[in-house]
């Protein structure tokens, strides 16, 4: 997965977002795999936002905000995410278009 990154400190909220395009005939399975990540990921320590959107053109847009890079790294190391990532390629048309960045606008107080 190729990501575009900006510098982040350990205490800066970070976001990960991008588009995933399903192979023809694979939209339902890709949707299921991605939806199965939403609630468990929202329950992981440091998860501030975790949303899945479906675009009119059939692509999926995933948007995550984490309290810190360390929280995102812990999430990325979970068995659930590693298993899902290993299953994604067979359902994708090309590589995901993904981005990572430090949040520059203040996060609402009390939310982190």
C-alpha atoms as a PDB file:
ATOM      1  CA  UNK A   1       0.000   0.000   0.000  1.00  0.00           C
ATOM      2  CA  UNK A   2       1.465   3.380  -1.001  1.00  0.00           C
ATOM      3  CA  UNK A   3       0.896   6.240   1.412  1.00  0.00           C
ATOM      4  CA  UNK A   4       1.673   9.923   1.354  1.00  0.00           C
ATOM      5  CA  UNK A   5       2.884  11.095   4.760  1.00  0.00           C
ATOM      6  CA  UNK A   6       3.536  14.247   6.763  1.00  0.00           C
ATOM      7  CA  UNK A   7       5.539  14.481   9.966  1.00  0.00           C
ATOM      8  CA  UNK A   8       3.758  13.584  13.194  1.00  0.00           C
ATOM      9  CA  UNK A   9       4.758  13.660  16.839  1.00  0.00           C
ATOM     10  CA  UNK A  10       3.725  10.911  19.222  1.00  0.00           C
ATOM     11  CA  UNK A  11       1.047  13.112  20.818  1.00  0.00           C
ATOM     12  CA  UNK A  12      -0.405  14.540  17.606  1.00  0.00           C
ATOM     13  CA  UNK A  13      -3.613  12.990  16.303  1.00  0.00           C
ATOM     14  CA  UNK A  14      -3.004  11.239  12.998  1.00  0.00           C
ATOM     15  CA  UNK A  15      -5.308  10.296  10.193  1.00  0.00           C
ATOM     16  CA  UNK A  16      -5.256   7.541   7.628  1.00  0.00           C
ATOM     17  CA  UNK A  17      -7.593   7.788   4.686  1.00  0.00           C
ATOM     18  CA  UNK A  18      -7.979   6.554   1.164  1.00  0.00           C
ATOM     19  CA  UNK A  19      -9.924   4.920  -1.607  1.00  0.00           C
ATOM     20  CA  UNK A  20     -10.285   1.224  -2.374  1.00  0.00           C
ATOM     21  CA  UNK A  21     -11.659   0.143  -5.737  1.00  0.00           C
ATOM     22  CA  UNK A  22     -13.323  -3.276  -5.907  1.00  0.00           C
ATOM     23  CA  UNK A  23     -12.661  -5.683  -8.745  1.00  0.00           C
ATOM     24  CA  UNK A  24     -15.724  -6.255 -10.913  1.00  0.00           C
ATOM     25  CA  UNK A  25     -18.048  -8.617  -9.055  1.00  0.00           C
ATOM     26  CA  UNK A  26     -16.219  -8.180  -5.725  1.00  0.00           C
ATOM     27  CA  UNK A  27     -17.974  -5.110  -4.255  1.00  0.00           C
ATOM     28  CA  UNK A  28     -20.169  -7.096  -1.858  1.00  0.00           C
ATOM     29  CA  UNK A  29     -17.255  -9.075  -0.417  1.00  0.00           C
ATOM     30  CA  UNK A  30     -15.048  -5.985  -0.142  1.00  0.00           C
ATOM     31  CA  UNK A  31     -17.874  -4.108   1.594  1.00  0.00           C
ATOM     32  CA  UNK A  32     -18.276  -6.987   4.066  1.00  0.00           C
ATOM     33  CA  UNK A  33     -14.545  -7.137   4.831  1.00  0.00           C
ATOM     34  CA  UNK A  34     -14.350  -3.393   5.403  1.00  0.00           C
ATOM     35  CA  UNK A  35     -17.564  -3.214   7.449  1.00  0.00           C
ATOM     36  CA  UNK A  36     -16.269  -6.033   9.664  1.00  0.00           C
ATOM     37  CA  UNK A  37     -13.404  -3.696  10.662  1.00  0.00           C
ATOM     38  CA  UNK A  38     -15.512  -0.702  11.690  1.00  0.00           C
ATOM     39  CA  UNK A  39     -16.890  -1.557  15.142  1.00  0.00           C
ATOM     40  CA  UNK A  40     -13.846  -3.498  16.398  1.00  0.00           C
ATOM     41  CA  UNK A  41     -11.535  -0.690  15.244  1.00  0.00           C
ATOM     42  CA  UNK A  42     -13.671   1.942  16.949  1.00  0.00           C
ATOM     43  CA  UNK A  43     -13.156  -0.015  20.169  1.00  0.00           C
ATOM     44  CA  UNK A  44      -9.350   0.029  19.950  1.00  0.00           C
ATOM     45  CA  UNK A  45      -7.523   2.325  22.332  1.00  0.00           C
ATOM     46  CA  UNK A  46      -6.889   5.705  20.748  1.00  0.00           C
ATOM     47  CA  UNK A  47      -9.496   5.440  17.989  1.00  0.00           C
ATOM     48  CA  UNK A  48     -11.121   8.859  17.594  1.00  0.00           C
ATOM     49  CA  UNK A  49     -12.900   8.324  14.261  1.00  0.00           C
ATOM     50  CA  UNK A  50     -13.339   5.298  12.017  1.00  0.00           C
ATOM     51  CA  UNK A  51     -15.689   5.613   9.055  1.00  0.00           C
ATOM     52  CA  UNK A  52     -16.387   3.736   5.850  1.00  0.00           C
ATOM     53  CA  UNK A  53     -18.093   5.507   2.950  1.00  0.00           C
ATOM     54  CA  UNK A  54     -19.257   4.096  -0.372  1.00  0.00           C
ATOM     55  CA  UNK A  55     -18.882   6.443  -3.329  1.00  0.00           C
ATOM     56  CA  UNK A  56     -21.363   6.705  -6.204  1.00  0.00           C
ATOM     57  CA  UNK A  57     -18.667   5.360  -8.542  1.00  0.00           C
ATOM     58  CA  UNK A  58     -18.390   2.160  -6.465  1.00  0.00           C
ATOM     59  CA  UNK A  59     -15.149   2.968  -4.650  1.00  0.00           C
ATOM     60  CA  UNK A  60     -14.924   2.748  -0.876  1.00  0.00           C
ATOM     61  CA  UNK A  61     -13.474   5.610   1.168  1.00  0.00           C
ATOM     62  CA  UNK A  62     -12.021   4.743   4.566  1.00  0.00           C
ATOM     63  CA  UNK A  63     -11.306   7.539   7.066  1.00  0.00           C
ATOM     64  CA  UNK A  64      -9.573   6.958  10.415  1.00  0.00           C
ATOM     65  CA  UNK A  65      -8.322   9.355  13.100  1.00  0.00           C
ATOM     66  CA  UNK A  66      -6.122   8.091  15.927  1.00  0.00           C
ATOM     67  CA  UNK A  67      -5.002   9.857  19.102  1.00  0.00           C
ATOM     68  CA  UNK A  68      -1.356   9.126  18.265  1.00  0.00           C
ATOM     69  CA  UNK A  69       0.884   7.258  15.860  1.00  0.00           C
ATOM     70  CA  UNK A  70       1.472   4.682  18.606  1.00  0.00           C
ATOM     71  CA  UNK A  71      -2.272   3.986  18.824  1.00  0.00           C
ATOM     72  CA  UNK A  72      -2.435   3.546  15.043  1.00  0.00           C
ATOM     73  CA  UNK A  73       0.587   1.231  15.135  1.00  0.00           C
ATOM     74  CA  UNK A  74      -1.102  -0.923  17.827  1.00  0.00           C
ATOM     75  CA  UNK A  75      -4.253  -1.078  15.708  1.00  0.00           C
ATOM     76  CA  UNK A  76      -2.218  -2.048  12.634  1.00  0.00           C
ATOM     77  CA  UNK A  77      -0.639  -4.927  14.587  1.00  0.00           C
ATOM     78  CA  UNK A  78      -3.967  -6.537  15.539  1.00  0.00           C
ATOM     79  CA  UNK A  79      -4.774  -9.973  14.180  1.00  0.00           C
ATOM     80  CA  UNK A  80      -8.085  -8.715  12.772  1.00  0.00           C
ATOM     81  CA  UNK A  81      -6.437  -6.021  10.677  1.00  0.00           C
ATOM     82  CA  UNK A  82      -3.559  -8.238   9.512  1.00  0.00           C
ATOM     83  CA  UNK A  83      -6.013 -10.964   8.468  1.00  0.00           C
ATOM     84  CA  UNK A  84      -8.225  -8.495   6.608  1.00  0.00           C
ATOM     85  CA  UNK A  85      -5.236  -6.911   4.855  1.00  0.00           C
ATOM     86  CA  UNK A  86      -4.137 -10.348   3.659  1.00  0.00           C
ATOM     87  CA  UNK A  87      -7.616 -10.948   2.147  1.00  0.00           C
ATOM     88  CA  UNK A  88      -8.045  -7.546   0.477  1.00  0.00           C
ATOM     89  CA  UNK A  89      -5.860  -7.940  -2.646  1.00  0.00           C
ATOM     90  CA  UNK A  90      -8.085 -10.587  -4.237  1.00  0.00           C
ATOM     91  CA  UNK A  91     -11.011  -8.128  -4.070  1.00  0.00           C
ATOM     92  CA  UNK A  92      -9.213  -4.941  -5.189  1.00  0.00           C
ATOM     93  CA  UNK A  93      -8.709  -3.443  -8.607  1.00  0.00           C
ATOM     94  CA  UNK A  94      -5.179  -2.146  -8.164  1.00  0.00           C
ATOM     95  CA  UNK A  95      -3.509  -0.875  -5.020  1.00  0.00           C
ATOM     96  CA  UNK A  96      -5.448   1.244  -2.515  1.00  0.00           C
ATOM     97  CA  UNK A  97      -4.937   4.986  -2.839  1.00  0.00           C
ATOM     98  CA  UNK A  98      -4.016   5.853   0.742  1.00  0.00           C
ATOM     99  CA  UNK A  99      -2.708   8.825   2.694  1.00  0.00           C
ATOM    100  CA  UNK A 100      -1.370   9.355   6.200  1.00  0.00           C
ATOM    101  CA  UNK A 101      -0.968  12.679   7.919  1.00  0.00           C
ATOM    102  CA  UNK A 102      -0.650  14.586  11.154  1.00  0.00           C
ATOM    103  CA  UNK A 103      -3.807  16.467  12.031  1.00  0.00           C
ATOM    104  CA  UNK A 104      -3.189  20.230  11.966  1.00  0.00           C
ATOM    105  CA  UNK A 105      -6.622  21.520  12.875  1.00  0.00           C
ATOM    106  CA  UNK A 106      -7.253  21.173  16.606  1.00  0.00           C
ATOM    107  CA  UNK A 107      -9.252  18.146  17.644  1.00  0.00           C
ATOM    108  CA  UNK A 108     -12.270  19.111  19.807  1.00  0.00           C
ATOM    109  CA  UNK A 109     -11.232  19.265  23.464  1.00  0.00           C
ATOM    110  CA  UNK A 110     -12.321  16.283  25.489  1.00  0.00           C
ATOM    111  CA  UNK A 111     -12.490  14.045  22.431  1.00  0.00           C
ATOM    112  CA  UNK A 112      -8.923  12.757  22.701  1.00  0.00           C
END
